[in-house]
Each structure stands twice: as C-alpha cells, then as structure tokens.
C-alpha atoms as a PDB file:
ATOM      1  CA  UNK A   1       0.000   0.000   0.000  1.00  0.00           C
ATOM      2  CA  UNK A   2       1.528   3.305  -1.104  1.00  0.00           C
ATOM      3  CA  UNK A   3       0.774   6.278   1.133  1.00  0.00           C
ATOM      4  CA  UNK A   4       0.693   9.978   0.260  1.00  0.00           C
ATOM      5  CA  UNK A   5       0.471  12.965   2.570  1.00  0.00           C
ATOM      6  CA  UNK A   6      -2.022  15.248   0.843  1.00  0.00           C
ATOM      7  CA  UNK A   7      -4.801  17.803   1.248  1.00  0.00           C
ATOM      8  CA  UNK A   8      -8.514  17.067   1.445  1.00  0.00           C
ATOM      9  CA  UNK A   9     -10.887  19.949   0.800  1.00  0.00           C
ATOM     10  CA  UNK A  10     -13.554  20.979   3.274  1.00  0.00           C
ATOM     11  CA  UNK A  11     -15.513  24.196   3.623  1.00  0.00           C
ATOM     12  CA  UNK A  12     -18.066  25.752   1.320  1.00  0.00           C
ATOM     13  CA  UNK A  13     -18.005  27.204  -2.147  1.00  0.00           C
ATOM     14  CA  UNK A  14     -15.315  29.926  -2.403  1.00  0.00           C
ATOM     15  CA  UNK A  15     -14.339  29.397   1.262  1.00  0.00           C
ATOM     16  CA  UNK A  16     -11.933  26.448   1.235  1.00  0.00           C
ATOM     17  CA  UNK A  17     -10.514  24.776   4.301  1.00  0.00           C
ATOM     18  CA  UNK A  18      -8.091  21.877   3.995  1.00  0.00           C
ATOM     19  CA  UNK A  19      -7.086  18.927   6.136  1.00  0.00           C
ATOM     20  CA  UNK A  20      -3.597  17.455   5.810  1.00  0.00           C
ATOM     21  CA  UNK A  21      -3.991  13.673   5.838  1.00  0.00           C
ATOM     22  CA  UNK A  22      -2.102  10.457   5.229  1.00  0.00           C
ATOM     23  CA  UNK A  23      -4.075   8.490   2.637  1.00  0.00           C
ATOM     24  CA  UNK A  24      -3.727   5.512   0.329  1.00  0.00           C
ATOM     25  CA  UNK A  25      -2.918   6.709  -3.209  1.00  0.00           C
ATOM     26  CA  UNK A  26      -5.922   4.848  -4.634  1.00  0.00           C
ATOM     27  CA  UNK A  27      -8.504   6.591  -2.420  1.00  0.00           C
ATOM     28  CA  UNK A  28     -10.260   9.682  -3.838  1.00  0.00           C
ATOM     29  CA  UNK A  29      -9.223  13.195  -2.754  1.00  0.00           C
ATOM     30  CA  UNK A  30     -12.030  13.675  -0.234  1.00  0.00           C
ATOM     31  CA  UNK A  31     -12.439   9.980   0.514  1.00  0.00           C
ATOM     32  CA  UNK A  32     -11.163   7.674   3.202  1.00  0.00           C
ATOM     33  CA  UNK A  33      -7.828   8.460   4.838  1.00  0.00           C
ATOM     34  CA  UNK A  34      -5.532   6.741   7.330  1.00  0.00           C
ATOM     35  CA  UNK A  35      -4.798   9.596   9.740  1.00  0.00           C
ATOM     36  CA  UNK A  36      -5.473  13.319  10.164  1.00  0.00           C
ATOM     37  CA  UNK A  37      -2.126  15.135  10.414  1.00  0.00           C
ATOM     38  CA  UNK A  38      -3.106  18.805  10.491  1.00  0.00           C
ATOM     39  CA  UNK A  39      -5.113  21.629   8.944  1.00  0.00           C
ATOM     40  CA  UNK A  40      -4.505  24.460   6.479  1.00  0.00           C
ATOM     41  CA  UNK A  41      -6.749  27.537   6.217  1.00  0.00           C
ATOM     42  CA  UNK A  42      -5.718  29.823   3.327  1.00  0.00           C
ATOM     43  CA  UNK A  43      -8.590  32.277   3.903  1.00  0.00           C
ATOM     44  CA  UNK A  44      -7.011  34.076   6.858  1.00  0.00           C
ATOM     45  CA  UNK A  45      -3.975  36.355   6.644  1.00  0.00           C
ATOM     46  CA  UNK A  46      -1.433  34.868   7.228  1.00  0.00           C
ATOM     47  CA  UNK A  47      -2.600  31.355   6.369  1.00  0.00           C
ATOM     48  CA  UNK A  48      -3.373  29.294   9.486  1.00  0.00           C
ATOM     49  CA  UNK A  49      -1.476  26.007   9.619  1.00  0.00           C
ATOM     50  CA  UNK A  50      -1.578  23.422  12.418  1.00  0.00           C
ATOM     51  CA  UNK A  51       0.475  20.238  12.249  1.00  0.00           C
ATOM     52  CA  UNK A  52       1.032  17.074  14.283  1.00  0.00           C
ATOM     53  CA  UNK A  53       4.791  17.085  13.745  1.00  0.00           C
ATOM     54  CA  UNK A  54       5.554  13.727  15.407  1.00  0.00           C
ATOM     55  CA  UNK A  55       2.996  11.899  13.276  1.00  0.00           C
ATOM     56  CA  UNK A  56       4.201  13.602  10.093  1.00  0.00           C
ATOM     57  CA  UNK A  57       7.753  12.498  10.875  1.00  0.00           C
ATOM     58  CA  UNK A  58       6.444   8.969  11.512  1.00  0.00           C
ATOM     59  CA  UNK A  59       4.715   8.787   8.114  1.00  0.00           C
ATOM     60  CA  UNK A  60       7.711  10.278   6.306  1.00  0.00           C
ATOM     61  CA  UNK A  61       9.869   7.636   7.998  1.00  0.00           C
ATOM     62  CA  UNK A  62       7.492   4.928   6.792  1.00  0.00           C
ATOM     63  CA  UNK A  63       7.971   6.097   3.198  1.00  0.00           C
ATOM     64  CA  UNK A  64       4.926   8.320   2.663  1.00  0.00           C
ATOM     65  CA  UNK A  65       5.387  10.857  -0.144  1.00  0.00           C
ATOM     66  CA  UNK A  66       4.011  14.398   0.370  1.00  0.00           C
ATOM     67  CA  UNK A  67       2.388  16.142  -2.586  1.00  0.00           C
ATOM     68  CA  UNK A  68       4.033  19.312  -3.876  1.00  0.00           C
ATOM     69  CA  UNK A  69       1.634  21.592  -2.006  1.00  0.00           C
ATOM     70  CA  UNK A  70       2.037  19.710   1.260  1.00  0.00           C
ATOM     71  CA  UNK A  71       5.816  19.618   0.787  1.00  0.00           C
ATOM     72  CA  UNK A  72       5.895  23.428   0.482  1.00  0.00           C
ATOM     73  CA  UNK A  73       3.709  23.773   3.605  1.00  0.00           C
ATOM     74  CA  UNK A  74       6.025  21.455   5.556  1.00  0.00           C
ATOM     75  CA  UNK A  75       9.114  23.368   4.394  1.00  0.00           C
ATOM     76  CA  UNK A  76       7.507  26.669   5.405  1.00  0.00           C
ATOM     77  CA  UNK A  77       6.805  25.279   8.886  1.00  0.00           C
ATOM     78  CA  UNK A  78      10.283  23.735   9.179  1.00  0.00           C
ATOM     79  CA  UNK A  79       9.033  20.155   9.541  1.00  0.00           C
ATOM     80  CA  UNK A  80      10.556  18.616   6.394  1.00  0.00           C
ATOM     81  CA  UNK A  81      13.802  19.351   4.628  1.00  0.00           C
ATOM     82  CA  UNK A  82      14.426  19.334   0.865  1.00  0.00           C
END
C-alpha cells in the first residue's frame, strides 16, 4: 500500500478549508484516509497552519510521499527538509 500525505478539501463554495492527511494513493481526494495530520486555512492572513509534527515524521519515515503543495507547507513550517 503506497501512502501519500495530501490535502482534502472541506468548507463551502469559495471558502476552502483543507485537512492534511495520510491516505492511500488509490482513495479519492475527499475519501477515506488513514490519519489526520493537520489543517490548512488559506482564507485568513497569514494562512493558518496546524500540524502534528511527530505523526508527520512517523509517516515520512514509513515512506509516505508528500504532494508538492504539502511539501511546500512542511518546508515553510520547518518540519521537512528538501
């Protein structure tokens, strides 16, 4: 089972709110996920980001690949390098 760390969209039309989750690559974007790892709210200034850093490090250690957007969020927060 390949795992990705990615965003799932919540919120209403034109007011997005995202969850950062660890999910199987075959599950749909807003479908079933393995674990909730944090949140991302781009509608406030500056963008509100909360992360469970220990669990993110665990999933990265297990071989989970973050998407490009999640990778940039993690770099901004200082959780992941490169």
